[in-house]
Structure formats: C-alpha cells, structure tokens
Amino acid sequence: MDANDLREKTPDQLRDELENLKKEAFNLRFQQATSQLENTARMRAVRRDVARVKTILNQKAAAAAAEA
C-alpha cells in the first residue's frame, strides 16, 4: 500500500481501510496461534499499513484543525 494512494482518500475511506486492516491483523494472529499461518511476512506488512493509515489520518486532522 502506497502512502500517496492513501493521501488521496477521504478520512471516511481511511477509517474503513483501517478497520479492514485491523480485521486482517486479527485473522493473521489467529492463524499464527493455530499454526496455520503460511506467510509470516504479511503480519509485518499489515502492521505497517495500519501505522501508515493512522499517520495519514492524523495528518489530515491536523491540517483541518490548522485551517479552522
């Protein structure tokens, strides 16, 4: 997931994306606990994507507060 693609999305779309990523992270943790996880690198990628989405949401909130 590219940060530039995320910056083009609205805050509502970003919140939806964050929710989907958190669900995926939960499912990956569950698979790991039951020894069914095949791609362990996906956990790291999802964690970083969550951080990326949260960062951009905070940037957009700060920009909106600065305008007001």
PDB file of N, CA and C in Angstrom:
ATOM      1  N   MET A   1       0.850  -1.175   0.000  1.00  0.00           N
ATOM      2  CA  MET A   1       0.000   0.000   0.000  1.00  0.00           C
ATOM      3  C   MET A   1       0.897   1.239   0.000  1.00  0.00           C
ATOM      4  N   ASP A   2       0.629   2.141  -0.905  1.00  0.00           N
ATOM      5  CA  ASP A   2       1.450   3.326  -1.068  1.00  0.00           C
ATOM      6  C   ASP A   2       0.845   4.488  -0.296  1.00  0.00           C
ATOM      7  N   ALA A   3       1.669   5.282   0.359  1.00  0.00           N
ATOM      8  CA  ALA A   3       1.188   6.409   1.145  1.00  0.00           C
ATOM      9  C   ALA A   3       0.528   7.462   0.251  1.00  0.00           C
ATOM     10  N   ASN A   4       1.027   7.613  -0.970  1.00  0.00           N
ATOM     11  CA  ASN A   4       0.428   8.595  -1.877  1.00  0.00           C
ATOM     12  C   ASN A   4      -1.002   8.203  -2.249  1.00  0.00           C
ATOM     13  N   ASP A   5      -1.248   6.912  -2.400  1.00  0.00           N
ATOM     14  CA  ASP A   5      -2.609   6.448  -2.676  1.00  0.00           C
ATOM     15  C   ASP A   5      -3.523   6.741  -1.492  1.00  0.00           C
ATOM     16  N   LEU A   6      -2.995   6.582  -0.291  1.00  0.00           N
ATOM     17  CA  LEU A   6      -3.804   6.813   0.907  1.00  0.00           C
ATOM     18  C   LEU A   6      -4.131   8.301   1.075  1.00  0.00           C
ATOM     19  N   ARG A   7      -3.199   9.153   0.706  1.00  0.00           N
ATOM     20  CA  ARG A   7      -3.428  10.597   0.874  1.00  0.00           C
ATOM     21  C   ARG A   7      -4.564  11.103  -0.013  1.00  0.00           C
ATOM     22  N   GLU A   8      -4.848  10.384  -1.090  1.00  0.00           N
ATOM     23  CA  GLU A   8      -5.920  10.785  -1.999  1.00  0.00           C
ATOM     24  C   GLU A   8      -7.297  10.401  -1.467  1.00  0.00           C
ATOM     25  N   LYS A   9      -7.345   9.513  -0.477  1.00  0.00           N
ATOM     26  CA  LYS A   9      -8.617   9.044   0.058  1.00  0.00           C
ATOM     27  C   LYS A   9      -9.169  10.018   1.099  1.00  0.00           C
ATOM     28  N   THR A  10     -10.477   9.944   1.287  1.00  0.00           N
ATOM     29  CA  THR A  10     -11.125  10.771   2.299  1.00  0.00           C
ATOM     30  C   THR A  10     -10.922  10.134   3.668  1.00  0.00           C
ATOM     31  N   PRO A  11     -11.114  10.900   4.741  1.00  0.00           N
ATOM     32  CA  PRO A  11     -10.977  10.317   6.083  1.00  0.00           C
ATOM     33  C   PRO A  11     -11.916   9.127   6.326  1.00  0.00           C
ATOM     34  N   ASP A  12     -13.121   9.178   5.768  1.00  0.00           N
ATOM     35  CA  ASP A  12     -14.033   8.046   5.937  1.00  0.00           C
ATOM     36  C   ASP A  12     -13.490   6.796   5.256  1.00  0.00           C
ATOM     37  N   GLN A  13     -12.940   6.959   4.073  1.00  0.00           N
ATOM     38  CA  GLN A  13     -12.352   5.819   3.366  1.00  0.00           C
ATOM     39  C   GLN A  13     -11.151   5.276   4.133  1.00  0.00           C
ATOM     40  N   LEU A  14     -10.379   6.178   4.740  1.00  0.00           N
ATOM     41  CA  LEU A  14      -9.218   5.747   5.513  1.00  0.00           C
ATOM     42  C   LEU A  14      -9.653   4.973   6.757  1.00  0.00           C
ATOM     43  N   ARG A  15     -10.728   5.425   7.397  1.00  0.00           N
ATOM     44  CA  ARG A  15     -11.224   4.701   8.575  1.00  0.00           C
ATOM     45  C   ARG A  15     -11.720   3.314   8.184  1.00  0.00           C
ATOM     46  N   ASP A  16     -12.365   3.202   7.035  1.00  0.00           N
ATOM     47  CA  ASP A  16     -12.798   1.885   6.550  1.00  0.00           C
ATOM     48  C   ASP A  16     -11.593   0.991   6.267  1.00  0.00           C
ATOM     49  N   GLU A  17     -10.585   1.570   5.658  1.00  0.00           N
ATOM     50  CA  GLU A  17      -9.363   0.818   5.362  1.00  0.00           C
ATOM     51  C   GLU A  17      -8.693   0.356   6.657  1.00  0.00           C
ATOM     52  N   LEU A  18      -8.683   1.227   7.660  1.00  0.00           N
ATOM     53  CA  LEU A  18      -8.097   0.883   8.952  1.00  0.00           C
ATOM     54  C   LEU A  18      -8.853  -0.268   9.603  1.00  0.00           C
ATOM     55  N   GLU A  19     -10.166  -0.223   9.526  1.00  0.00           N
ATOM     56  CA  GLU A  19     -10.981  -1.300  10.084  1.00  0.00           C
ATOM     57  C   GLU A  19     -10.684  -2.628   9.390  1.00  0.00           C
ATOM     58  N   ASN A  20     -10.579  -2.599   8.062  1.00  0.00           N
ATOM     59  CA  ASN A  20     -10.275  -3.819   7.311  1.00  0.00           C
ATOM     60  C   ASN A  20      -8.898  -4.371   7.668  1.00  0.00           C
ATOM     61  N   LEU A  21      -7.927  -3.477   7.821  1.00  0.00           N
ATOM     62  CA  LEU A  21      -6.586  -3.920   8.171  1.00  0.00           C
ATOM     63  C   LEU A  21      -6.543  -4.521   9.565  1.00  0.00           C
ATOM     64  N   LYS A  22      -7.287  -3.944  10.490  1.00  0.00           N
ATOM     65  CA  LYS A  22      -7.317  -4.487  11.850  1.00  0.00           C
ATOM     66  C   LYS A  22      -7.971  -5.868  11.876  1.00  0.00           C
ATOM     67  N   LYS A  23      -9.002  -6.053  11.054  1.00  0.00           N
ATOM     68  CA  LYS A  23      -9.629  -7.373  10.964  1.00  0.00           C
ATOM     69  C   LYS A  23      -8.644  -8.388  10.382  1.00  0.00           C
ATOM     70  N   GLU A  24      -7.908  -7.962   9.371  1.00  0.00           N
ATOM     71  CA  GLU A  24      -6.930  -8.860   8.769  1.00  0.00           C
ATOM     72  C   GLU A  24      -5.833  -9.209   9.773  1.00  0.00           C
ATOM     73  N   ALA A  25      -5.392  -8.226  10.553  1.00  0.00           N
ATOM     74  CA  ALA A  25      -4.367  -8.479  11.558  1.00  0.00           C
ATOM     75  C   ALA A  25      -4.872  -9.479  12.601  1.00  0.00           C
ATOM     76  N   PHE A  26      -6.126  -9.343  12.997  1.00  0.00           N
ATOM     77  CA  PHE A  26      -6.713 -10.284  13.950  1.00  0.00           C
ATOM     78  C   PHE A  26      -6.725 -11.688  13.369  1.00  0.00           C
ATOM     79  N   ASN A  27      -7.152 -11.816  12.122  1.00  0.00           N
ATOM     80  CA  ASN A  27      -7.199 -13.123  11.478  1.00  0.00           C
ATOM     81  C   ASN A  27      -5.801 -13.732  11.344  1.00  0.00           C
ATOM     82  N   LEU A  28      -4.819 -12.903  11.044  1.00  0.00           N
ATOM     83  CA  LEU A  28      -3.453 -13.400  10.930  1.00  0.00           C
ATOM     84  C   LEU A  28      -2.922 -13.876  12.281  1.00  0.00           C
ATOM     85  N   ARG A  29      -3.230 -13.132  13.345  1.00  0.00           N
ATOM     86  CA  ARG A  29      -2.813 -13.564  14.684  1.00  0.00           C
ATOM     87  C   ARG A  29      -3.470 -14.887  15.053  1.00  0.00           C
ATOM     88  N   PHE A  30      -4.736 -15.030  14.686  1.00  0.00           N
ATOM     89  CA  PHE A  30      -5.454 -16.270  14.974  1.00  0.00           C
ATOM     90  C   PHE A  30      -4.835 -17.430  14.209  1.00  0.00           C
ATOM     91  N   GLN A  31      -4.492 -17.212  12.938  1.00  0.00           N
ATOM     92  CA  GLN A  31      -3.859 -18.259  12.146  1.00  0.00           C
ATOM     93  C   GLN A  31      -2.502 -18.637  12.725  1.00  0.00           C
ATOM     94  N   GLN A  32      -1.769 -17.641  13.216  1.00  0.00           N
ATOM     95  CA  GLN A  32      -0.462 -17.924  13.792  1.00  0.00           C
ATOM     96  C   GLN A  32      -0.606 -18.759  15.068  1.00  0.00           C
ATOM     97  N   ALA A  33      -1.605 -18.450  15.866  1.00  0.00           N
ATOM     98  CA  ALA A  33      -1.818 -19.177  17.111  1.00  0.00           C
ATOM     99  C   ALA A  33      -2.191 -20.636  16.843  1.00  0.00           C
ATOM    100  N   THR A  34      -2.850 -20.897  15.730  1.00  0.00           N
ATOM    101  CA  THR A  34      -3.260 -22.258  15.404  1.00  0.00           C
ATOM    102  C   THR A  34      -2.296 -22.931  14.423  1.00  0.00           C
ATOM    103  N   SER A  35      -1.140 -22.318  14.219  1.00  0.00           N
ATOM    104  CA  SER A  35      -0.096 -22.843  13.328  1.00  0.00           C
ATOM    105  C   SER A  35      -0.582 -23.052  11.896  1.00  0.00           C
ATOM    106  N   GLN A  36      -1.449 -22.179  11.418  1.00  0.00           N
ATOM    107  CA  GLN A  36      -1.936 -22.261  10.047  1.00  0.00           C
ATOM    108  C   GLN A  36      -1.415 -21.122   9.177  1.00  0.00           C
ATOM    109  N   LEU A  37      -0.623 -20.244   9.759  1.00  0.00           N
ATOM    110  CA  LEU A  37      -0.124 -19.079   9.026  1.00  0.00           C
ATOM    111  C   LEU A  37       1.009 -19.501   8.099  1.00  0.00           C
ATOM    112  N   GLU A  38       0.841 -19.219   6.804  1.00  0.00           N
ATOM    113  CA  GLU A  38       1.862 -19.594   5.822  1.00  0.00           C
ATOM    114  C   GLU A  38       2.801 -18.437   5.507  1.00  0.00           C
ATOM    115  N   ASN A  39       2.245 -17.226   5.379  1.00  0.00           N
ATOM    116  CA  ASN A  39       3.055 -16.070   5.010  1.00  0.00           C
ATOM    117  C   ASN A  39       3.244 -15.184   6.240  1.00  0.00           C
ATOM    118  N   THR A  40       4.327 -15.411   6.972  1.00  0.00           N
ATOM    119  CA  THR A  40       4.546 -14.657   8.203  1.00  0.00           C
ATOM    120  C   THR A  40       4.889 -13.198   7.933  1.00  0.00           C
ATOM    121  N   ALA A  41       5.406 -12.896   6.762  1.00  0.00           N
ATOM    122  CA  ALA A  41       5.762 -11.520   6.432  1.00  0.00           C
ATOM    123  C   ALA A  41       4.521 -10.642   6.288  1.00  0.00           C
ATOM    124  N   ARG A  42       3.374 -11.253   6.044  1.00  0.00           N
ATOM    125  CA  ARG A  42       2.143 -10.478   5.881  1.00  0.00           C
ATOM    126  C   ARG A  42       1.763  -9.771   7.180  1.00  0.00           C
ATOM    127  N   MET A  43       2.087 -10.372   8.318  1.00  0.00           N
ATOM    128  CA  MET A  43       1.775  -9.736   9.603  1.00  0.00           C
ATOM    129  C   MET A  43       2.505  -8.401   9.723  1.00  0.00           C
ATOM    130  N   ARG A  44       3.772  -8.396   9.356  1.00  0.00           N
ATOM    131  CA  ARG A  44       4.558  -7.167   9.422  1.00  0.00           C
ATOM    132  C   ARG A  44       4.008  -6.115   8.459  1.00  0.00           C
ATOM    133  N   ALA A  45       3.639  -6.548   7.266  1.00  0.00           N
ATOM    134  CA  ALA A  45       3.122  -5.618   6.266  1.00  0.00           C
ATOM    135  C   ALA A  45       1.806  -4.996   6.734  1.00  0.00           C
ATOM    136  N   VAL A  46       0.955  -5.792   7.348  1.00  0.00           N
ATOM    137  CA  VAL A  46      -0.332  -5.281   7.828  1.00  0.00           C
ATOM    138  C   VAL A  46      -0.112  -4.294   8.966  1.00  0.00           C
ATOM    139  N   ARG A  47       0.806  -4.613   9.880  1.00  0.00           N
ATOM    140  CA  ARG A  47       1.099  -3.695  10.989  1.00  0.00           C
ATOM    141  C   ARG A  47       1.596  -2.350  10.463  1.00  0.00           C
ATOM    142  N   ARG A  48       2.443  -2.407   9.468  1.00  0.00           N
ATOM    143  CA  ARG A  48       2.975  -1.166   8.899  1.00  0.00           C
ATOM    144  C   ARG A  48       1.900  -0.393   8.135  1.00  0.00           C
ATOM    145  N   ASP A  49       1.003  -1.105   7.469  1.00  0.00           N
ATOM    146  CA  ASP A  49      -0.091  -0.445   6.770  1.00  0.00           C
ATOM    147  C   ASP A  49      -1.023   0.245   7.762  1.00  0.00           C
ATOM    148  N   VAL A  50      -1.274  -0.401   8.895  1.00  0.00           N
ATOM    149  CA  VAL A  50      -2.106   0.214   9.939  1.00  0.00           C
ATOM    150  C   VAL A  50      -1.450   1.503  10.413  1.00  0.00           C
ATOM    151  N   ALA A  51      -0.162   1.459  10.674  1.00  0.00           N
ATOM    152  CA  ALA A  51       0.557   2.652  11.121  1.00  0.00           C
ATOM    153  C   ALA A  51       0.518   3.744  10.061  1.00  0.00           C
ATOM    154  N   ARG A  52       0.649   3.352   8.804  1.00  0.00           N
ATOM    155  CA  ARG A  52       0.630   4.311   7.702  1.00  0.00           C
ATOM    156  C   ARG A  52      -0.731   5.011   7.618  1.00  0.00           C
ATOM    157  N   VAL A  53      -1.814   4.237   7.743  1.00  0.00           N
ATOM    158  CA  VAL A  53      -3.161   4.811   7.675  1.00  0.00           C
ATOM    159  C   VAL A  53      -3.393   5.743   8.864  1.00  0.00           C
ATOM    160  N   LYS A  54      -2.982   5.323  10.053  1.00  0.00           N
ATOM    161  CA  LYS A  54      -3.166   6.170  11.240  1.00  0.00           C
ATOM    162  C   LYS A  54      -2.394   7.476  11.111  1.00  0.00           C
ATOM    163  N   THR A  55      -1.184   7.403  10.572  1.00  0.00           N
ATOM    164  CA  THR A  55      -0.365   8.598  10.396  1.00  0.00           C
ATOM    165  C   THR A  55      -1.045   9.585   9.451  1.00  0.00           C
ATOM    166  N   ILE A  56      -1.560   9.083   8.356  1.00  0.00           N
ATOM    167  CA  ILE A  56      -2.194   9.965   7.376  1.00  0.00           C
ATOM    168  C   ILE A  56      -3.490  10.537   7.929  1.00  0.00           C
ATOM    169  N   LEU A  57      -4.239   9.741   8.697  1.00  0.00           N
ATOM    170  CA  LEU A  57      -5.450  10.264   9.338  1.00  0.00           C
ATOM    171  C   LEU A  57      -5.101  11.412  10.288  1.00  0.00           C
ATOM    172  N   ASN A  58      -4.032  11.239  11.061  1.00  0.00           N
ATOM    173  CA  ASN A  58      -3.608  12.299  11.982  1.00  0.00           C
ATOM    174  C   ASN A  58      -3.142  13.540  11.231  1.00  0.00           C
ATOM    175  N   GLN A  59      -2.461  13.350  10.114  1.00  0.00           N
ATOM    176  CA  GLN A  59      -2.021  14.484   9.312  1.00  0.00           C
ATOM    177  C   GLN A  59      -3.207  15.257   8.764  1.00  0.00           C
ATOM    178  N   LYS A  60      -4.216  14.522   8.293  1.00  0.00           N
ATOM    179  CA  LYS A  60      -5.397  15.184   7.761  1.00  0.00           C
ATOM    180  C   LYS A  60      -6.154  15.930   8.856  1.00  0.00           C
ATOM    181  N   ALA A  61      -6.214  15.350  10.065  1.00  0.00           N
ATOM    182  CA  ALA A  61      -6.887  16.000  11.192  1.00  0.00           C
ATOM    183  C   ALA A  61      -6.134  17.268  11.591  1.00  0.00           C
ATOM    184  N   ALA A  62      -4.826  17.211  11.600  1.00  0.00           N
ATOM    185  CA  ALA A  62      -4.024  18.384  11.947  1.00  0.00           C
ATOM    186  C   ALA A  62      -4.186  19.478  10.909  1.00  0.00           C
ATOM    187  N   ALA A  63      -4.239  19.107   9.647  1.00  0.00           N
ATOM    188  CA  ALA A  63      -4.415  20.090   8.575  1.00  0.00           C
ATOM    189  C   ALA A  63      -5.792  20.748   8.672  1.00  0.00           C
ATOM    190  N   ALA A  64      -6.809  19.953   9.002  1.00  0.00           N
ATOM    191  CA  ALA A  64      -8.152  20.503   9.150  1.00  0.00           C
ATOM    192  C   ALA A  64      -8.221  21.448  10.343  1.00  0.00           C
ATOM    193  N   ALA A  65      -7.534  21.106  11.429  1.00  0.00           N
ATOM    194  CA  ALA A  65      -7.526  21.966  12.621  1.00  0.00           C
ATOM    195  C   ALA A  65      -6.768  23.264  12.347  1.00  0.00           C
ATOM    196  N   ALA A  66      -5.729  23.197  11.542  1.00  0.00           N
ATOM    197  CA  ALA A  66      -4.949  24.391  11.233  1.00  0.00           C
ATOM    198  C   ALA A  66      -5.751  25.360  10.350  1.00  0.00           C
ATOM    199  N   GLU A  67      -6.601  24.818   9.509  1.00  0.00           N
ATOM    200  CA  GLU A  67      -7.421  25.671   8.638  1.00  0.00           C
ATOM    201  C   GLU A  67      -8.512  26.389   9.421  1.00  0.00           C
ATOM    202  N   ALA A  68      -9.014  25.732  10.442  1.00  0.00           N
ATOM    203  CA  ALA A  68     -10.140  26.308  11.215  1.00  0.00           C
ATOM    204  C   ALA A  68      -9.695  27.352  12.208  1.00  0.00           C
TER     205      ALA A  68
END
